[in-house]
């Protein structure tokens, strides 16, 4: 038996709010029926090359660094980081490792993610 990635799921306080942030960040639409308890992006089209994104309300808040996080790639790192900050993300740090550059951000509920500069 083999598995495939179906969706990335974030625990959160308000699924509709966090889902809306990620929909804008990814240039996608929230799936119909988004609410405070559950929201999703692309769940009905999720496949091997494009997993869905889910947001589920939980009673507890985030208490530690993510053990796994999404990495986004962009052609213009500085412009994309500023756009995401404008949507509600916060900057955690900038990293250069050899020829690779990325910025670590946190979404409005504190979940870390990286934005990586595409190779020129």
N, C-alpha and C. Protein backbone atom coordinates (compact mmCIF):
# COMPACT_ATOMS: atom_id res chain seq x y z
N UNK A 1 0.85 -1.18 0.00
CA UNK A 1 0.00 0.00 0.00
C UNK A 1 0.89 1.24 0.00
N UNK A 2 0.50 2.25 -0.77
CA UNK A 2 1.23 3.51 -0.79
C UNK A 2 0.31 4.63 -0.33
N UNK A 3 0.90 5.65 0.18
CA UNK A 3 0.16 6.83 0.63
C UNK A 3 0.54 8.01 -0.24
N UNK A 4 -0.31 9.01 -0.23
CA UNK A 4 -0.01 10.28 -0.89
C UNK A 4 -0.45 11.39 0.04
N UNK A 5 0.21 12.51 -0.07
CA UNK A 5 -0.16 13.66 0.75
C UNK A 5 -1.48 14.23 0.24
N UNK A 6 -2.49 14.25 1.09
CA UNK A 6 -3.80 14.76 0.73
C UNK A 6 -3.97 16.22 1.14
N UNK A 7 -3.54 16.55 2.37
CA UNK A 7 -3.73 17.91 2.87
C UNK A 7 -2.74 18.22 3.97
N UNK A 8 -2.44 19.51 4.12
CA UNK A 8 -1.71 20.04 5.27
C UNK A 8 -2.77 20.63 6.18
N UNK A 9 -2.74 20.31 7.46
CA UNK A 9 -3.76 20.79 8.39
C UNK A 9 -3.13 21.60 9.50
N UNK A 10 -3.69 22.78 9.75
CA UNK A 10 -3.23 23.67 10.81
C UNK A 10 -4.28 23.71 11.91
N UNK A 11 -3.87 23.49 13.16
CA UNK A 11 -4.74 23.77 14.29
C UNK A 11 -4.74 25.28 14.48
N UNK A 12 -5.89 25.84 14.87
CA UNK A 12 -5.96 27.29 15.00
C UNK A 12 -7.14 27.70 15.88
N UNK A 13 -7.19 28.98 16.20
CA UNK A 13 -8.29 29.53 17.00
C UNK A 13 -9.49 29.88 16.12
N UNK A 14 -9.23 30.37 14.90
CA UNK A 14 -10.31 30.77 14.00
C UNK A 14 -9.95 30.32 12.59
N UNK A 15 -10.58 29.22 12.16
CA UNK A 15 -10.25 28.62 10.87
C UNK A 15 -10.51 29.55 9.70
N UNK A 16 -11.59 30.30 9.73
CA UNK A 16 -11.92 31.19 8.62
C UNK A 16 -10.87 32.30 8.48
N UNK A 17 -10.43 32.86 9.58
CA UNK A 17 -9.43 33.94 9.54
C UNK A 17 -8.09 33.41 9.05
N UNK A 18 -7.62 32.30 9.62
CA UNK A 18 -6.32 31.76 9.20
C UNK A 18 -6.41 31.24 7.77
N UNK A 19 -7.52 30.62 7.42
CA UNK A 19 -7.72 30.15 6.05
C UNK A 19 -7.68 31.30 5.05
N UNK A 20 -8.29 32.42 5.41
CA UNK A 20 -8.30 33.59 4.53
C UNK A 20 -6.88 34.12 4.32
N UNK A 21 -6.06 34.16 5.38
CA UNK A 21 -4.67 34.58 5.24
C UNK A 21 -3.95 33.69 4.24
N UNK A 22 -4.04 32.37 4.43
CA UNK A 22 -3.32 31.44 3.56
C UNK A 22 -3.87 31.45 2.14
N UNK A 23 -5.16 31.64 1.97
CA UNK A 23 -5.73 31.74 0.62
C UNK A 23 -5.10 32.92 -0.11
N UNK A 24 -5.00 34.07 0.56
CA UNK A 24 -4.37 35.24 -0.06
C UNK A 24 -2.89 35.00 -0.29
N UNK A 25 -2.22 34.39 0.68
CA UNK A 25 -0.78 34.12 0.54
C UNK A 25 -0.50 33.23 -0.66
N UNK A 26 -1.37 32.25 -0.90
CA UNK A 26 -1.17 31.29 -1.98
C UNK A 26 -1.82 31.71 -3.30
N UNK A 27 -2.57 32.83 -3.28
CA UNK A 27 -3.26 33.27 -4.49
C UNK A 27 -4.39 32.32 -4.86
N UNK A 28 -5.06 31.77 -3.86
CA UNK A 28 -6.14 30.81 -4.08
C UNK A 28 -7.39 31.28 -3.35
N UNK A 29 -8.48 30.55 -3.51
CA UNK A 29 -9.75 30.87 -2.86
C UNK A 29 -10.02 29.89 -1.73
N UNK A 30 -10.68 30.38 -0.69
CA UNK A 30 -11.19 29.48 0.34
C UNK A 30 -12.29 28.62 -0.27
N UNK A 31 -12.36 27.36 0.13
CA UNK A 31 -13.45 26.51 -0.31
C UNK A 31 -14.76 27.02 0.29
N UNK A 32 -15.89 26.78 -0.37
CA UNK A 32 -17.19 27.21 0.17
C UNK A 32 -17.44 26.60 1.55
N UNK A 33 -18.13 27.35 2.39
CA UNK A 33 -18.52 26.87 3.71
C UNK A 33 -17.53 27.14 4.82
N UNK A 34 -16.52 27.95 4.57
CA UNK A 34 -15.52 28.25 5.60
C UNK A 34 -16.19 28.89 6.80
N UNK A 35 -15.79 28.46 7.99
CA UNK A 35 -16.32 29.03 9.22
C UNK A 35 -15.26 29.01 10.30
N UNK A 36 -15.61 29.47 11.48
CA UNK A 36 -14.66 29.56 12.59
C UNK A 36 -14.09 28.20 12.97
N UNK A 37 -14.88 27.12 12.83
CA UNK A 37 -14.44 25.79 13.26
C UNK A 37 -13.62 25.06 12.19
N UNK A 38 -13.90 25.30 10.90
CA UNK A 38 -13.18 24.58 9.85
C UNK A 38 -13.20 25.39 8.56
N UNK A 39 -12.07 25.39 7.88
CA UNK A 39 -11.96 26.03 6.56
C UNK A 39 -10.94 25.23 5.77
N UNK A 40 -11.03 25.33 4.44
CA UNK A 40 -10.07 24.62 3.61
C UNK A 40 -9.81 25.38 2.31
N UNK A 41 -8.70 25.02 1.68
CA UNK A 41 -8.31 25.56 0.38
C UNK A 41 -8.00 24.37 -0.51
N UNK A 42 -8.71 24.25 -1.62
CA UNK A 42 -8.41 23.21 -2.60
C UNK A 42 -8.62 21.79 -2.14
N UNK A 43 -9.44 21.58 -1.12
CA UNK A 43 -9.60 20.24 -0.57
C UNK A 43 -10.23 19.28 -1.58
N UNK A 44 -11.15 19.76 -2.39
CA UNK A 44 -11.82 18.88 -3.34
C UNK A 44 -11.01 18.63 -4.60
N UNK A 45 -9.95 19.44 -4.81
CA UNK A 45 -9.07 19.22 -5.95
C UNK A 45 -7.73 18.63 -5.52
N UNK A 46 -7.58 18.32 -4.24
CA UNK A 46 -6.29 17.86 -3.72
C UNK A 46 -5.82 16.61 -4.45
N UNK A 47 -4.57 16.64 -4.84
CA UNK A 47 -3.97 15.52 -5.54
C UNK A 47 -2.50 15.43 -5.25
N UNK A 48 -1.80 14.51 -5.89
CA UNK A 48 -0.38 14.31 -5.59
C UNK A 48 0.48 15.55 -5.78
N UNK A 49 0.14 16.41 -6.73
CA UNK A 49 0.98 17.58 -6.97
C UNK A 49 0.47 18.83 -6.27
N UNK A 50 -0.71 18.80 -5.70
CA UNK A 50 -1.26 19.98 -5.03
C UNK A 50 -2.14 19.55 -3.86
N UNK A 51 -1.54 19.38 -2.68
CA UNK A 51 -2.36 19.00 -1.54
C UNK A 51 -3.31 20.13 -1.14
N UNK A 52 -4.40 19.75 -0.49
CA UNK A 52 -5.30 20.75 0.07
C UNK A 52 -4.69 21.33 1.34
N UNK A 53 -5.26 22.44 1.78
CA UNK A 53 -4.84 23.07 3.03
C UNK A 53 -6.08 23.13 3.92
N UNK A 54 -5.99 22.64 5.15
CA UNK A 54 -7.12 22.63 6.07
C UNK A 54 -6.78 23.41 7.33
N UNK A 55 -7.81 23.98 7.94
CA UNK A 55 -7.66 24.77 9.15
C UNK A 55 -8.76 24.33 10.10
N UNK A 56 -8.38 23.83 11.27
CA UNK A 56 -9.35 23.28 12.22
C UNK A 56 -9.20 23.97 13.58
N UNK A 57 -10.30 24.44 14.09
CA UNK A 57 -10.30 25.13 15.38
C UNK A 57 -10.01 24.14 16.50
N UNK A 58 -9.11 24.54 17.40
CA UNK A 58 -8.80 23.77 18.61
C UNK A 58 -8.84 24.72 19.80
N UNK A 59 -9.05 24.21 21.00
CA UNK A 59 -9.18 25.10 22.16
C UNK A 59 -7.86 25.70 22.66
N UNK A 60 -6.74 25.01 22.43
CA UNK A 60 -5.47 25.50 22.95
C UNK A 60 -4.73 26.31 21.90
N UNK A 61 -3.89 27.22 22.36
CA UNK A 61 -3.08 28.03 21.46
C UNK A 61 -1.77 27.35 21.14
N UNK A 62 -1.04 27.90 20.18
CA UNK A 62 0.27 27.39 19.81
C UNK A 62 1.24 27.66 20.95
N UNK A 63 2.06 26.65 21.31
CA UNK A 63 2.94 26.84 22.45
C UNK A 63 4.42 26.62 22.16
N UNK A 64 4.77 26.12 20.98
CA UNK A 64 6.18 25.86 20.67
C UNK A 64 6.42 26.03 19.17
N UNK A 65 7.69 25.98 18.79
CA UNK A 65 8.07 26.08 17.38
C UNK A 65 7.49 24.89 16.61
N UNK A 66 7.05 25.15 15.37
CA UNK A 66 6.56 24.07 14.51
C UNK A 66 7.66 23.03 14.30
N UNK A 67 7.29 21.76 14.27
CA UNK A 67 8.25 20.71 13.92
C UNK A 67 8.28 20.50 12.40
N UNK A 68 7.25 20.98 11.71
CA UNK A 68 7.19 20.93 10.26
C UNK A 68 6.58 22.25 9.81
N UNK A 69 7.02 22.74 8.65
CA UNK A 69 6.48 24.01 8.18
C UNK A 69 6.48 24.04 6.66
N UNK A 70 5.58 24.85 6.07
CA UNK A 70 5.59 24.99 4.61
C UNK A 70 6.75 25.89 4.16
N UNK A 71 7.29 25.56 2.99
CA UNK A 71 8.28 26.40 2.32
C UNK A 71 7.66 26.87 1.02
N UNK A 72 7.64 28.17 0.81
CA UNK A 72 7.14 28.76 -0.43
C UNK A 72 8.33 29.28 -1.21
N UNK A 73 8.29 29.21 -2.54
CA UNK A 73 9.37 29.72 -3.36
C UNK A 73 8.86 30.87 -4.21
N UNK A 74 9.70 31.90 -4.35
CA UNK A 74 9.31 33.09 -5.10
C UNK A 74 10.47 33.64 -5.91
N UNK A 75 10.14 34.32 -6.98
CA UNK A 75 11.17 34.94 -7.83
C UNK A 75 11.69 36.24 -7.22
N UNK A 76 10.90 36.90 -6.37
CA UNK A 76 11.29 38.19 -5.78
C UNK A 76 11.08 38.11 -4.27
N UNK A 77 12.11 37.67 -3.56
CA UNK A 77 12.00 37.42 -2.12
C UNK A 77 11.55 38.65 -1.35
N UNK A 78 12.20 39.79 -1.57
CA UNK A 78 11.89 40.98 -0.78
C UNK A 78 10.45 41.43 -1.00
N UNK A 79 9.99 41.46 -2.25
CA UNK A 79 8.63 41.90 -2.54
C UNK A 79 7.60 40.93 -1.95
N UNK A 80 7.86 39.63 -2.05
CA UNK A 80 6.90 38.66 -1.52
C UNK A 80 6.84 38.71 0.00
N UNK A 81 7.98 38.87 0.65
CA UNK A 81 7.98 38.98 2.12
C UNK A 81 7.17 40.21 2.54
N UNK A 82 7.38 41.33 1.87
CA UNK A 82 6.61 42.54 2.21
C UNK A 82 5.11 42.34 1.97
N UNK A 83 4.75 41.64 0.89
CA UNK A 83 3.34 41.37 0.61
C UNK A 83 2.73 40.51 1.71
N UNK A 84 3.45 39.48 2.13
CA UNK A 84 2.94 38.59 3.18
C UNK A 84 2.84 39.31 4.52
N UNK A 85 3.79 40.18 4.82
CA UNK A 85 3.71 40.98 6.05
C UNK A 85 2.49 41.88 5.99
N UNK A 86 2.21 42.44 4.82
CA UNK A 86 1.02 43.26 4.63
C UNK A 86 -0.28 42.49 4.84
N UNK A 87 -0.25 41.17 4.61
CA UNK A 87 -1.43 40.33 4.83
C UNK A 87 -1.59 39.92 6.28
N UNK A 88 -0.55 40.13 7.10
CA UNK A 88 -0.64 39.78 8.51
C UNK A 88 0.46 38.89 9.05
N UNK A 89 1.41 38.50 8.21
CA UNK A 89 2.54 37.70 8.68
C UNK A 89 3.52 38.58 9.45
N UNK A 90 4.39 37.95 10.23
CA UNK A 90 5.45 38.69 10.91
C UNK A 90 6.79 38.03 10.60
N UNK A 91 7.82 38.86 10.50
CA UNK A 91 9.16 38.39 10.15
C UNK A 91 9.83 37.81 11.39
N UNK A 92 10.38 36.59 11.23
CA UNK A 92 11.11 35.93 12.32
C UNK A 92 12.62 36.00 12.09
N UNK A 93 13.06 35.98 10.82
CA UNK A 93 14.49 36.04 10.56
C UNK A 93 14.82 35.82 9.10
N UNK A 94 16.03 36.19 8.73
CA UNK A 94 16.54 36.04 7.37
C UNK A 94 17.76 35.13 7.41
N UNK A 95 17.86 34.24 6.42
CA UNK A 95 18.95 33.27 6.40
C UNK A 95 19.60 33.26 5.02
N UNK A 96 20.94 33.19 5.01
CA UNK A 96 21.69 32.95 3.78
C UNK A 96 22.57 31.75 4.07
N UNK A 97 22.47 30.74 3.19
CA UNK A 97 23.27 29.53 3.34
C UNK A 97 23.84 29.19 1.97
N UNK A 98 25.09 29.56 1.75
CA UNK A 98 25.67 29.39 0.43
C UNK A 98 24.93 30.27 -0.56
N UNK A 99 24.43 29.66 -1.62
CA UNK A 99 23.69 30.42 -2.63
C UNK A 99 22.20 30.51 -2.31
N UNK A 100 21.74 29.89 -1.24
CA UNK A 100 20.32 29.92 -0.88
C UNK A 100 20.03 31.06 0.09
N UNK A 101 18.86 31.71 -0.14
CA UNK A 101 18.39 32.77 0.76
C UNK A 101 16.92 32.50 1.06
N UNK A 102 16.53 32.71 2.32
CA UNK A 102 15.12 32.63 2.66
C UNK A 102 14.82 33.49 3.87
N UNK A 103 13.55 33.77 4.03
CA UNK A 103 13.06 34.51 5.19
C UNK A 103 12.05 33.63 5.90
N UNK A 104 12.20 33.54 7.21
CA UNK A 104 11.23 32.82 8.02
C UNK A 104 10.21 33.82 8.52
N UNK A 105 8.95 33.51 8.30
CA UNK A 105 7.82 34.33 8.74
C UNK A 105 6.93 33.51 9.65
N UNK A 106 6.01 34.18 10.32
CA UNK A 106 4.96 33.51 11.09
C UNK A 106 3.63 34.02 10.58
N UNK A 107 2.66 33.11 10.42
CA UNK A 107 1.33 33.53 10.00
C UNK A 107 0.62 34.22 11.17
N UNK A 108 -0.60 34.72 11.01
CA UNK A 108 -1.26 35.47 12.08
C UNK A 108 -1.46 34.69 13.39
N UNK A 109 -1.37 33.35 13.36
CA UNK A 109 -1.49 32.56 14.59
C UNK A 109 -0.15 32.03 15.07
N UNK A 110 0.95 32.50 14.45
CA UNK A 110 2.28 32.15 14.92
C UNK A 110 2.91 30.93 14.28
N UNK A 111 2.28 30.32 13.29
CA UNK A 111 2.86 29.17 12.60
C UNK A 111 3.97 29.63 11.67
N UNK A 112 5.16 29.06 11.85
CA UNK A 112 6.30 29.46 11.05
C UNK A 112 6.22 28.89 9.64
N UNK A 113 6.75 29.64 8.68
CA UNK A 113 6.91 29.18 7.30
C UNK A 113 8.05 29.96 6.68
N UNK A 114 8.65 29.39 5.64
CA UNK A 114 9.77 30.04 4.95
C UNK A 114 9.37 30.47 3.57
N UNK A 115 9.94 31.59 3.14
CA UNK A 115 9.81 32.05 1.76
C UNK A 115 11.22 32.03 1.20
N UNK A 116 11.42 31.21 0.16
CA UNK A 116 12.73 30.96 -0.39
C UNK A 116 12.90 31.69 -1.72
N UNK A 117 14.06 32.30 -1.92
CA UNK A 117 14.36 32.98 -3.18
C UNK A 117 14.68 31.92 -4.23
N UNK A 118 13.96 31.96 -5.34
CA UNK A 118 14.22 31.03 -6.44
C UNK A 118 15.59 31.32 -7.03
N UNK A 119 16.27 30.28 -7.47
CA UNK A 119 17.58 30.46 -8.09
C UNK A 119 17.43 31.29 -9.36
N UNK A 120 18.34 32.23 -9.55
CA UNK A 120 18.28 33.11 -10.72
C UNK A 120 18.68 32.42 -11.97
